[in-house]
Amino acid sequence: GRFTISRENAKNTVYLQMNSLKPEDTA
């Protein structure tokens, strides 16, 4: 509900959109 993973195969690229970040996401 907070993070979204996606990819663009033609670019060999993966993304991670991180919303509503919390201190416990620190890493």
mmCIF file of all heavy atoms, coordinates in Angstrom:
data_MODEL
# 
_entry.id   MODEL 
# 
loop_
_atom_site.group_PDB 
_atom_site.id 
_atom_site.type_symbol 
_atom_site.label_atom_id 
_atom_site.label_alt_id 
_atom_site.label_comp_id 
_atom_site.label_asym_id 
_atom_site.label_entity_id 
_atom_site.label_seq_id 
_atom_site.pdbx_PDB_ins_code 
_atom_site.Cartn_x 
_atom_site.Cartn_y 
_atom_site.Cartn_z 
_atom_site.occupancy 
_atom_site.B_iso_or_equiv 
_atom_site.pdbx_formal_charge 
_atom_site.auth_seq_id 
_atom_site.auth_comp_id 
_atom_site.auth_asym_id 
_atom_site.auth_atom_id 
_atom_site.pdbx_PDB_model_num 
ATOM 1   N N   . GLY A 1 1  ? 0.788  -1.218 0.000   1.00 0.00 ? 1  GLY A N   1 
ATOM 2   C CA  . GLY A 1 1  ? 0.000  0.000  0.000   1.00 0.00 ? 1  GLY A CA  1 
ATOM 3   C C   . GLY A 1 1  ? 0.821  1.268  0.000   1.00 0.00 ? 1  GLY A C   1 
ATOM 4   O O   . GLY A 1 1  ? 0.262  2.351  -0.229  1.00 0.00 ? 1  GLY A O   1 
ATOM 5   N N   . ARG A 1 2  ? 2.114  1.149  0.254   1.00 0.00 ? 2  ARG A N   1 
ATOM 6   C CA  . ARG A 1 2  ? 2.980  2.325  0.290   1.00 0.00 ? 2  ARG A CA  1 
ATOM 7   C C   . ARG A 1 2  ? 4.028  2.322  -0.816  1.00 0.00 ? 2  ARG A C   1 
ATOM 8   O O   . ARG A 1 2  ? 4.378  3.383  -1.337  1.00 0.00 ? 2  ARG A O   1 
ATOM 9   C CB  . ARG A 1 2  ? 3.692  2.420  1.642   1.00 0.00 ? 2  ARG A CB  1 
ATOM 10  C CG  . ARG A 1 2  ? 2.748  2.551  2.828   1.00 0.00 ? 2  ARG A CG  1 
ATOM 11  C CD  . ARG A 1 2  ? 3.502  2.853  4.113   1.00 0.00 ? 2  ARG A CD  1 
ATOM 12  N NE  . ARG A 1 2  ? 4.417  1.763  4.481   1.00 0.00 ? 2  ARG A NE  1 
ATOM 13  C CZ  . ARG A 1 2  ? 5.729  1.898  4.598   1.00 0.00 ? 2  ARG A CZ  1 
ATOM 14  N NH1 . ARG A 1 2  ? 6.300  3.086  4.390   1.00 0.00 ? 2  ARG A NH1 1 
ATOM 15  N NH2 . ARG A 1 2  ? 6.482  0.859  4.946   1.00 0.00 ? 2  ARG A NH2 1 
ATOM 16  N N   . PHE A 1 3  ? 4.542  1.143  -1.152  1.00 0.00 ? 3  PHE A N   1 
ATOM 17  C CA  . PHE A 1 3  ? 5.589  1.021  -2.167  1.00 0.00 ? 3  PHE A CA  1 
ATOM 18  C C   . PHE A 1 3  ? 5.017  0.406  -3.432  1.00 0.00 ? 3  PHE A C   1 
ATOM 19  O O   . PHE A 1 3  ? 4.111  -0.435 -3.386  1.00 0.00 ? 3  PHE A O   1 
ATOM 20  C CB  . PHE A 1 3  ? 6.728  0.129  -1.671  1.00 0.00 ? 3  PHE A CB  1 
ATOM 21  C CG  . PHE A 1 3  ? 7.563  0.694  -0.557  1.00 0.00 ? 3  PHE A CG  1 
ATOM 22  C CD1 . PHE A 1 3  ? 7.194  1.843  0.119   1.00 0.00 ? 3  PHE A CD1 1 
ATOM 23  C CD2 . PHE A 1 3  ? 8.737  0.056  -0.192  1.00 0.00 ? 3  PHE A CD2 1 
ATOM 24  C CE1 . PHE A 1 3  ? 7.969  2.349  1.155   1.00 0.00 ? 3  PHE A CE1 1 
ATOM 25  C CE2 . PHE A 1 3  ? 9.522  0.551  0.837   1.00 0.00 ? 3  PHE A CE2 1 
ATOM 26  C CZ  . PHE A 1 3  ? 9.137  1.698  1.510   1.00 0.00 ? 3  PHE A CZ  1 
ATOM 27  N N   . THR A 1 4  ? 5.578  0.797  -4.564  1.00 0.00 ? 4  THR A N   1 
ATOM 28  C CA  . THR A 1 4  ? 5.200  0.229  -5.845  1.00 0.00 ? 4  THR A CA  1 
ATOM 29  C C   . THR A 1 4  ? 6.445  -0.114 -6.640  1.00 0.00 ? 4  THR A C   1 
ATOM 30  O O   . THR A 1 4  ? 7.306  0.745  -6.852  1.00 0.00 ? 4  THR A O   1 
ATOM 31  C CB  . THR A 1 4  ? 4.329  1.199  -6.660  1.00 0.00 ? 4  THR A CB  1 
ATOM 32  O OG1 . THR A 1 4  ? 3.156  1.549  -5.917  1.00 0.00 ? 4  THR A OG1 1 
ATOM 33  C CG2 . THR A 1 4  ? 3.907  0.548  -7.979  1.00 0.00 ? 4  THR A CG2 1 
ATOM 34  N N   . ILE A 1 5  ? 6.540  -1.361 -7.073  1.00 0.00 ? 5  ILE A N   1 
ATOM 35  C CA  . ILE A 1 5  ? 7.653  -1.781 -7.911  1.00 0.00 ? 5  ILE A CA  1 
ATOM 36  C C   . ILE A 1 5  ? 7.182  -1.850 -9.363  1.00 0.00 ? 5  ILE A C   1 
ATOM 37  O O   . ILE A 1 5  ? 6.046  -2.234 -9.643  1.00 0.00 ? 5  ILE A O   1 
ATOM 38  C CB  . ILE A 1 5  ? 8.228  -3.137 -7.448  1.00 0.00 ? 5  ILE A CB  1 
ATOM 39  C CG1 . ILE A 1 5  ? 9.526  -3.456 -8.195  1.00 0.00 ? 5  ILE A CG1 1 
ATOM 40  C CG2 . ILE A 1 5  ? 7.214  -4.259 -7.610  1.00 0.00 ? 5  ILE A CG2 1 
ATOM 41  C CD1 . ILE A 1 5  ? 10.291 -4.648 -7.620  1.00 0.00 ? 5  ILE A CD1 1 
ATOM 42  N N   . SER A 1 6  ? 8.052  -1.461 -10.270 1.00 0.00 ? 6  SER A N   1 
ATOM 43  C CA  . SER A 1 6  ? 7.739  -1.516 -11.686 1.00 0.00 ? 6  SER A CA  1 
ATOM 44  C C   . SER A 1 6  ? 9.023  -1.723 -12.470 1.00 0.00 ? 6  SER A C   1 
ATOM 45  O O   . SER A 1 6  ? 10.126 -1.600 -11.925 1.00 0.00 ? 6  SER A O   1 
ATOM 46  C CB  . SER A 1 6  ? 7.021  -0.238 -12.147 1.00 0.00 ? 6  SER A CB  1 
ATOM 47  O OG  . SER A 1 6  ? 7.847  0.897  -11.948 1.00 0.00 ? 6  SER A OG  1 
ATOM 48  N N   . ARG A 1 7  ? 8.887  -2.035 -13.751 1.00 0.00 ? 7  ARG A N   1 
ATOM 49  C CA  . ARG A 1 7  ? 10.068 -2.248 -14.575 1.00 0.00 ? 7  ARG A CA  1 
ATOM 50  C C   . ARG A 1 7  ? 9.805  -1.816 -16.006 1.00 0.00 ? 7  ARG A C   1 
ATOM 51  O O   . ARG A 1 7  ? 8.666  -1.828 -16.478 1.00 0.00 ? 7  ARG A O   1 
ATOM 52  C CB  . ARG A 1 7  ? 10.513 -3.720 -14.535 1.00 0.00 ? 7  ARG A CB  1 
ATOM 53  C CG  . ARG A 1 7  ? 9.509  -4.689 -15.141 1.00 0.00 ? 7  ARG A CG  1 
ATOM 54  C CD  . ARG A 1 7  ? 9.867  -6.139 -14.828 1.00 0.00 ? 7  ARG A CD  1 
ATOM 55  N NE  . ARG A 1 7  ? 11.003 -6.600 -15.607 1.00 0.00 ? 7  ARG A NE  1 
ATOM 56  C CZ  . ARG A 1 7  ? 11.594 -7.790 -15.434 1.00 0.00 ? 7  ARG A CZ  1 
ATOM 57  N NH1 . ARG A 1 7  ? 11.169 -8.617 -14.485 1.00 0.00 ? 7  ARG A NH1 1 
ATOM 58  N NH2 . ARG A 1 7  ? 12.624 -8.132 -16.202 1.00 0.00 ? 7  ARG A NH2 1 
ATOM 59  N N   . GLU A 1 8  ? 10.875 -1.449 -16.682 1.00 0.00 ? 8  GLU A N   1 
ATOM 60  C CA  . GLU A 1 8  ? 10.858 -1.176 -18.110 1.00 0.00 ? 8  GLU A CA  1 
ATOM 61  C C   . GLU A 1 8  ? 11.822 -2.172 -18.741 1.00 0.00 ? 8  GLU A C   1 
ATOM 62  O O   . GLU A 1 8  ? 13.038 -2.000 -18.673 1.00 0.00 ? 8  GLU A O   1 
ATOM 63  C CB  . GLU A 1 8  ? 11.284 0.252  -18.415 1.00 0.00 ? 8  GLU A CB  1 
ATOM 64  C CG  . GLU A 1 8  ? 10.332 1.306  -17.920 1.00 0.00 ? 8  GLU A CG  1 
ATOM 65  C CD  . GLU A 1 8  ? 10.726 2.691  -18.376 1.00 0.00 ? 8  GLU A CD  1 
ATOM 66  O OE1 . GLU A 1 8  ? 10.723 2.929  -19.604 1.00 0.00 ? 8  GLU A OE1 1 
ATOM 67  O OE2 . GLU A 1 8  ? 11.045 3.533  -17.513 1.00 0.00 ? 8  GLU A OE2 1 
ATOM 68  N N   . ASN A 1 9  ? 11.269 -3.191 -19.351 1.00 0.00 ? 9  ASN A N   1 
ATOM 69  C CA  . ASN A 1 9  ? 12.100 -4.268 -19.880 1.00 0.00 ? 9  ASN A CA  1 
ATOM 70  C C   . ASN A 1 9  ? 13.056 -3.793 -20.969 1.00 0.00 ? 9  ASN A C   1 
ATOM 71  O O   . ASN A 1 9  ? 14.185 -4.275 -21.063 1.00 0.00 ? 9  ASN A O   1 
ATOM 72  C CB  . ASN A 1 9  ? 11.224 -5.402 -20.399 1.00 0.00 ? 9  ASN A CB  1 
ATOM 73  C CG  . ASN A 1 9  ? 10.509 -6.143 -19.288 1.00 0.00 ? 9  ASN A CG  1 
ATOM 74  O OD1 . ASN A 1 9  ? 10.964 -6.166 -18.147 1.00 0.00 ? 9  ASN A OD1 1 
ATOM 75  N ND2 . ASN A 1 9  ? 9.386  -6.766 -19.621 1.00 0.00 ? 9  ASN A ND2 1 
ATOM 76  N N   . ALA A 1 10 ? 12.604 -2.858 -21.802 1.00 0.00 ? 10 ALA A N   1 
ATOM 77  C CA  . ALA A 1 10 ? 13.446 -2.366 -22.887 1.00 0.00 ? 10 ALA A CA  1 
ATOM 78  C C   . ALA A 1 10 ? 14.664 -1.624 -22.370 1.00 0.00 ? 10 ALA A C   1 
ATOM 79  O O   . ALA A 1 10 ? 15.665 -1.500 -23.077 1.00 0.00 ? 10 ALA A O   1 
ATOM 80  C CB  . ALA A 1 10 ? 12.636 -1.468 -23.817 1.00 0.00 ? 10 ALA A CB  1 
ATOM 81  N N   . LYS A 1 11 ? 14.586 -1.109 -21.146 1.00 0.00 ? 11 LYS A N   1 
ATOM 82  C CA  . LYS A 1 11 ? 15.695 -0.384 -20.545 1.00 0.00 ? 11 LYS A CA  1 
ATOM 83  C C   . LYS A 1 11 ? 16.428 -1.199 -19.488 1.00 0.00 ? 11 LYS A C   1 
ATOM 84  O O   . LYS A 1 11 ? 17.367 -0.706 -18.867 1.00 0.00 ? 11 LYS A O   1 
ATOM 85  C CB  . LYS A 1 11 ? 15.201 0.914  -19.913 1.00 0.00 ? 11 LYS A CB  1 
ATOM 86  C CG  . LYS A 1 11 ? 14.636 1.910  -20.904 1.00 0.00 ? 11 LYS A CG  1 
ATOM 87  C CD  . LYS A 1 11 ? 14.215 3.189  -20.198 1.00 0.00 ? 11 LYS A CD  1 
ATOM 88  C CE  . LYS A 1 11 ? 13.684 4.209  -21.189 1.00 0.00 ? 11 LYS A CE  1 
ATOM 89  N NZ  . LYS A 1 11 ? 13.272 5.468  -20.503 1.00 0.00 ? 11 LYS A NZ  1 
ATOM 90  N N   . ASN A 1 12 ? 16.003 -2.440 -19.276 1.00 0.00 ? 12 ASN A N   1 
ATOM 91  C CA  . ASN A 1 12 ? 16.593 -3.298 -18.245 1.00 0.00 ? 12 ASN A CA  1 
ATOM 92  C C   . ASN A 1 12 ? 16.634 -2.589 -16.895 1.00 0.00 ? 12 ASN A C   1 
ATOM 93  O O   . ASN A 1 12 ? 17.614 -2.680 -16.157 1.00 0.00 ? 12 ASN A O   1 
ATOM 94  C CB  . ASN A 1 12 ? 18.006 -3.737 -18.645 1.00 0.00 ? 12 ASN A CB  1 
ATOM 95  C CG  . ASN A 1 12 ? 18.014 -4.661 -19.841 1.00 0.00 ? 12 ASN A CG  1 
ATOM 96  O OD1 . ASN A 1 12 ? 17.061 -5.402 -20.077 1.00 0.00 ? 12 ASN A OD1 1 
ATOM 97  N ND2 . ASN A 1 12 ? 19.103 -4.630 -20.599 1.00 0.00 ? 12 ASN A ND2 1 
ATOM 98  N N   . THR A 1 13 ? 15.545 -1.914 -16.582 1.00 0.00 ? 13 THR A N   1 
ATOM 99  C CA  . THR A 1 13 ? 15.501 -1.074 -15.400 1.00 0.00 ? 13 THR A CA  1 
ATOM 100 C C   . THR A 1 13 ? 14.305 -1.421 -14.517 1.00 0.00 ? 13 THR A C   1 
ATOM 101 O O   . THR A 1 13 ? 13.212 -1.660 -15.018 1.00 0.00 ? 13 THR A O   1 
ATOM 102 C CB  . THR A 1 13 ? 15.436 0.412  -15.793 1.00 0.00 ? 13 THR A CB  1 
ATOM 103 O OG1 . THR A 1 13 ? 16.607 0.751  -16.546 1.00 0.00 ? 13 THR A OG1 1 
ATOM 104 C CG2 . THR A 1 13 ? 15.376 1.306  -14.567 1.00 0.00 ? 13 THR A CG2 1 
ATOM 105 N N   . VAL A 1 14 ? 14.536 -1.426 -13.219 1.00 0.00 ? 14 VAL A N   1 
ATOM 106 C CA  . VAL A 1 14 ? 13.482 -1.637 -12.237 1.00 0.00 ? 14 VAL A CA  1 
ATOM 107 C C   . VAL A 1 14 ? 13.435 -0.426 -11.319 1.00 0.00 ? 14 VAL A C   1 
ATOM 108 O O   . VAL A 1 14 ? 14.464 0.184  -11.015 1.00 0.00 ? 14 VAL A O   1 
ATOM 109 C CB  . VAL A 1 14 ? 13.703 -2.942 -11.444 1.00 0.00 ? 14 VAL A CB  1 
ATOM 110 C CG1 . VAL A 1 14 ? 14.996 -2.893 -10.637 1.00 0.00 ? 14 VAL A CG1 1 
ATOM 111 C CG2 . VAL A 1 14 ? 12.511 -3.236 -10.545 1.00 0.00 ? 14 VAL A CG2 1 
ATOM 112 N N   . TYR A 1 15 ? 12.230 -0.072 -10.884 1.00 0.00 ? 15 TYR A N   1 
ATOM 113 C CA  . TYR A 1 15 ? 12.017 1.082  -10.035 1.00 0.00 ? 15 TYR A CA  1 
ATOM 114 C C   . TYR A 1 15 ? 11.310 0.670  -8.748  1.00 0.00 ? 15 TYR A C   1 
ATOM 115 O O   . TYR A 1 15 ? 10.591 -0.328 -8.698  1.00 0.00 ? 15 TYR A O   1 
ATOM 116 C CB  . TYR A 1 15 ? 11.148 2.127  -10.740 1.00 0.00 ? 15 TYR A CB  1 
ATOM 117 C CG  . TYR A 1 15 ? 11.648 2.538  -12.096 1.00 0.00 ? 15 TYR A CG  1 
ATOM 118 C CD1 . TYR A 1 15 ? 11.175 1.908  -13.248 1.00 0.00 ? 15 TYR A CD1 1 
ATOM 119 C CD2 . TYR A 1 15 ? 12.584 3.550  -12.238 1.00 0.00 ? 15 TYR A CD2 1 
ATOM 120 C CE1 . TYR A 1 15 ? 11.629 2.287  -14.496 1.00 0.00 ? 15 TYR A CE1 1 
ATOM 121 C CE2 . TYR A 1 15 ? 13.039 3.932  -13.489 1.00 0.00 ? 15 TYR A CE2 1 
ATOM 122 C CZ  . TYR A 1 15 ? 12.559 3.301  -14.614 1.00 0.00 ? 15 TYR A CZ  1 
ATOM 123 O OH  . TYR A 1 15 ? 13.016 3.683  -15.858 1.00 0.00 ? 15 TYR A OH  1 
ATOM 124 N N   . LEU A 1 16 ? 11.506 1.464  -7.724  1.00 0.00 ? 16 LEU A N   1 
ATOM 125 C CA  . LEU A 1 16 ? 10.751 1.312  -6.494  1.00 0.00 ? 16 LEU A CA  1 
ATOM 126 C C   . LEU A 1 16 ? 10.281 2.685  -6.055  1.00 0.00 ? 16 LEU A C   1 
ATOM 127 O O   . LEU A 1 16 ? 11.089 3.508  -5.614  1.00 0.00 ? 16 LEU A O   1 
ATOM 128 C CB  . LEU A 1 16 ? 11.590 0.664  -5.393  1.00 0.00 ? 16 LEU A CB  1 
ATOM 129 C CG  . LEU A 1 16 ? 10.839 0.347  -4.100  1.00 0.00 ? 16 LEU A CG  1 
ATOM 130 C CD1 . LEU A 1 16 ? 9.803  -0.753 -4.346  1.00 0.00 ? 16 LEU A CD1 1 
ATOM 131 C CD2 . LEU A 1 16 ? 11.801 -0.067 -2.992  1.00 0.00 ? 16 LEU A CD2 1 
ATOM 132 N N   . GLN A 1 17 ? 8.989  2.930  -6.196  1.00 0.00 ? 17 GLN A N   1 
ATOM 133 C CA  . GLN A 1 17 ? 8.386  4.162  -5.715  1.00 0.00 ? 17 GLN A CA  1 
ATOM 134 C C   . GLN A 1 17 ? 7.978  3.960  -4.265  1.00 0.00 ? 17 GLN A C   1 
ATOM 135 O O   . GLN A 1 17 ? 7.177  3.075  -3.963  1.00 0.00 ? 17 GLN A O   1 
ATOM 136 C CB  . GLN A 1 17 ? 7.164  4.532  -6.558  1.00 0.00 ? 17 GLN A CB  1 
ATOM 137 C CG  . GLN A 1 17 ? 6.445  5.784  -6.102  1.00 0.00 ? 17 GLN A CG  1 
ATOM 138 C CD  . GLN A 1 17 ? 7.279  7.037  -6.276  1.00 0.00 ? 17 GLN A CD  1 
ATOM 139 O OE1 . GLN A 1 17 ? 7.872  7.240  -7.327  1.00 0.00 ? 17 GLN A OE1 1 
ATOM 140 N NE2 . GLN A 1 17 ? 7.342  7.866  -5.242  1.00 0.00 ? 17 GLN A NE2 1 
ATOM 141 N N   . MET A 1 18 ? 8.531  4.768  -3.383  1.00 0.00 ? 18 MET A N   1 
ATOM 142 C CA  . MET A 1 18 ? 8.294  4.635  -1.954  1.00 0.00 ? 18 MET A CA  1 
ATOM 143 C C   . MET A 1 18 ? 7.560  5.871  -1.455  1.00 0.00 ? 18 MET A C   1 
ATOM 144 O O   . MET A 1 18 ? 8.096  6.976  -1.499  1.00 0.00 ? 18 MET A O   1 
ATOM 145 C CB  . MET A 1 18 ? 9.611  4.453  -1.201  1.00 0.00 ? 18 MET A CB  1 
ATOM 146 C CG  . MET A 1 18 ? 10.434 3.263  -1.680  1.00 0.00 ? 18 MET A CG  1 
ATOM 147 S SD  . MET A 1 18 ? 11.939 3.010  -0.702  1.00 0.00 ? 18 MET A SD  1 
ATOM 148 C CE  . MET A 1 18 ? 12.863 4.474  -1.185  1.00 0.00 ? 18 MET A CE  1 
ATOM 149 N N   . ASN A 1 19 ? 6.342  5.672  -0.990  1.00 0.00 ? 19 ASN A N   1 
ATOM 150 C CA  . ASN A 1 19 ? 5.525  6.746  -0.454  1.00 0.00 ? 19 ASN A CA  1 
ATOM 151 C C   . ASN A 1 19 ? 5.245  6.507  1.023   1.00 0.00 ? 19 ASN A C   1 
ATOM 152 O O   . ASN A 1 19 ? 5.402  5.400  1.529   1.00 0.00 ? 19 ASN A O   1 
ATOM 153 C CB  . ASN A 1 19 ? 4.201  6.847  -1.216  1.00 0.00 ? 19 ASN A CB  1 
ATOM 154 C CG  . ASN A 1 19 ? 4.379  7.155  -2.681  1.00 0.00 ? 19 ASN A CG  1 
ATOM 155 O OD1 . ASN A 1 19 ? 5.286  7.890  -3.074  1.00 0.00 ? 19 ASN A OD1 1 
ATOM 156 N ND2 . ASN A 1 19 ? 3.499  6.612  -3.522  1.00 0.00 ? 19 ASN A ND2 1 
ATOM 157 N N   . SER A 1 20 ? 4.801  7.550  1.694   1.00 0.00 ? 20 SER A N   1 
ATOM 158 C CA  . SER A 1 20 ? 4.454  7.464  3.117   1.00 0.00 ? 20 SER A CA  1 
ATOM 159 C C   . SER A 1 20 ? 5.559  6.798  3.922   1.00 0.00 ? 20 SER A C   1 
ATOM 160 O O   . SER A 1 20 ? 5.315  5.903  4.738   1.00 0.00 ? 20 SER A O   1 
ATOM 161 C CB  . SER A 1 20 ? 3.132  6.707  3.293   1.00 0.00 ? 20 SER A CB  1 
ATOM 162 O OG  . SER A 1 20 ? 2.085  7.341  2.589   1.00 0.00 ? 20 SER A OG  1 
ATOM 163 N N   . LEU A 1 21 ? 6.765  7.246  3.696   1.00 0.00 ? 21 LEU A N   1 
ATOM 164 C CA  . LEU A 1 21 ? 7.920  6.609  4.321   1.00 0.00 ? 21 LEU A CA  1 
ATOM 165 C C   . LEU A 1 21 ? 7.904  6.763  5.835   1.00 0.00 ? 21 LEU A C   1 
ATOM 166 O O   . LEU A 1 21 ? 7.486  7.793  6.367   1.00 0.00 ? 21 LEU A O   1 
ATOM 167 C CB  . LEU A 1 21 ? 9.207  7.172  3.744   1.00 0.00 ? 21 LEU A CB  1 
ATOM 168 C CG  . LEU A 1 21 ? 9.563  6.629  2.354   1.00 0.00 ? 21 LEU A CG  1 
ATOM 169 C CD1 . LEU A 1 21 ? 10.561 7.533  1.652   1.00 0.00 ? 21 LEU A CD1 1 
ATOM 170 C CD2 . LEU A 1 21 ? 10.116 5.213  2.479   1.00 0.00 ? 21 LEU A CD2 1 
ATOM 171 N N   . LYS A 1 22 ? 8.380  5.723  6.504   1.00 0.00 ? 22 LYS A N   1 
ATOM 172 C CA  . LYS A 1 22 ? 8.441  5.663  7.952   1.00 0.00 ? 22 LYS A CA  1 
ATOM 173 C C   . LYS A 1 22 ? 9.891  5.502  8.394   1.00 0.00 ? 22 LYS A C   1 
ATOM 174 O O   . LYS A 1 22 ? 10.713 4.991  7.638   1.00 0.00 ? 22 LYS A O   1 
ATOM 175 C CB  . LYS A 1 22 ? 7.631  4.475  8.470   1.00 0.00 ? 22 LYS A CB  1 
ATOM 176 C CG  . LYS A 1 22 ? 6.185  4.449  8.026   1.00 0.00 ? 22 LYS A CG  1 
ATOM 177 C CD  . LYS A 1 22 ? 5.509  3.165  8.488   1.00 0.00 ? 22 LYS A CD  1 
ATOM 178 C CE  . LYS A 1 22 ? 4.067  3.116  8.046   1.00 0.00 ? 22 LYS A CE  1 
ATOM 179 N NZ  . LYS A 1 22 ? 3.408  1.849  8.486   1.00 0.00 ? 22 LYS A NZ  1 
ATOM 180 N N   . PRO A 1 23 ? 10.219 5.898  9.624   1.00 0.00 ? 23 PRO A N   1 
ATOM 181 C CA  . PRO A 1 23 ? 11.592 5.697  10.109  1.00 0.00 ? 23 PRO A CA  1 
ATOM 182 C C   . PRO A 1 23 ? 12.053 4.248  10.001  1.00 0.00 ? 23 PRO A C   1 
ATOM 183 O O   . PRO A 1 23 ? 13.236 4.007  9.745   1.00 0.00 ? 23 PRO A O   1 
ATOM 184 C CB  . PRO A 1 23 ? 11.514 6.158  11.567  1.00 0.00 ? 23 PRO A CB  1 
ATOM 185 C CG  . PRO A 1 23 ? 10.443 7.196  11.558  1.00 0.00 ? 23 PRO A CG  1 
ATOM 186 C CD  . PRO A 1 23 ? 9.415  6.681  10.582  1.00 0.00 ? 23 PRO A CD  1 
ATOM 187 N N   . GLU A 1 24 ? 11.155 3.305  10.185  1.00 0.00 ? 24 GLU A N   1 
ATOM 188 C CA  . GLU A 1 24 ? 11.531 1.906  10.096  1.00 0.00 ? 24 GLU A CA  1 
ATOM 189 C C   . GLU A 1 24 ? 11.855 1.446  8.685   1.00 0.00 ? 24 GLU A C   1 
ATOM 190 O O   . GLU A 1 24 ? 12.307 0.316  8.488   1.00 0.00 ? 24 GLU A O   1 
ATOM 191 C CB  . GLU A 1 24 ? 10.445 0.998  10.712  1.00 0.00 ? 24 GLU A CB  1 
ATOM 192 C CG  . GLU A 1 24 ? 9.045  1.318  10.243  1.00 0.00 ? 24 GLU A CG  1 
ATOM 193 C CD  . GLU A 1 24 ? 8.293  2.226  11.203  1.00 0.00 ? 24 GLU A CD  1 
ATOM 194 O OE1 . GLU A 1 24 ? 8.863  3.249  11.641  1.00 0.00 ? 24 GLU A OE1 1 
ATOM 195 O OE2 . GLU A 1 24 ? 7.127  1.910  11.527  1.00 0.00 ? 24 GLU A OE2 1 
ATOM 196 N N   . ASP A 1 25 ? 11.625 2.301  7.687   1.00 0.00 ? 25 ASP A N   1 
ATOM 197 C CA  . ASP A 1 25 ? 12.057 2.007  6.326   1.00 0.00 ? 25 ASP A CA  1 
ATOM 198 C C   . ASP A 1 25 ? 13.536 2.308  6.115   1.00 0.00 ? 25 ASP A C   1 
ATOM 199 O O   . ASP A 1 25 ? 14.081 1.989  5.053   1.00 0.00 ? 25 ASP A O   1 
ATOM 200 C CB  . ASP A 1 25 ? 11.237 2.807  5.314   1.00 0.00 ? 25 ASP A CB  1 
ATOM 201 C CG  . ASP A 1 25 ? 9.771  2.417  5.303   1.00 0.00 ? 25 ASP A CG  1 
ATOM 202 O OD1 . ASP A 1 25 ? 9.478  1.202  5.364   1.00 0.00 ? 25 ASP A OD1 1 
ATOM 203 O OD2 . ASP A 1 25 ? 8.923  3.319  5.225   1.00 0.00 ? 25 ASP A OD2 1 
ATOM 204 N N   . THR A 1 26 ? 14.173 2.933  7.081   1.00 0.00 ? 26 THR A N   1 
ATOM 205 C CA  . THR A 1 26 ? 15.585 3.266  6.971   1.00 0.00 ? 26 THR A CA  1 
ATOM 206 C C   . THR A 1 26 ? 16.413 2.001  6.809   1.00 0.00 ? 26 THR A C   1 
ATOM 207 O O   . THR A 1 26 ? 16.343 1.088  7.630   1.00 0.00 ? 26 THR A O   1 
ATOM 208 C CB  . THR A 1 26 ? 16.054 4.047  8.200   1.00 0.00 ? 26 THR A CB  1 
ATOM 209 O OG1 . THR A 1 26 ? 15.368 5.296  8.263   1.00 0.00 ? 26 THR A OG1 1 
ATOM 210 C CG2 . THR A 1 26 ? 17.556 4.305  8.141   1.00 0.00 ? 26 THR A CG2 1 
ATOM 211 N N   . ALA A 1 27 ? 17.204 1.954  5.747   1.00 0.00 ? 27 ALA A N   1 
ATOM 212 C CA  . ALA A 1 27 ? 18.009 0.780  5.443   1.00 0.00 ? 27 ALA A CA  1 
ATOM 213 C C   . ALA A 1 27 ? 18.839 1.058  4.203   1.00 0.00 ? 27 ALA A C   1 
ATOM 214 O O   . ALA A 1 27 ? 18.645 2.062  3.519   1.00 0.00 ? 27 ALA A O   1 
ATOM 215 C CB  . ALA A 1 27 ? 17.118 -0.444 5.201   1.00 0.00 ? 27 ALA A CB  1 
# 
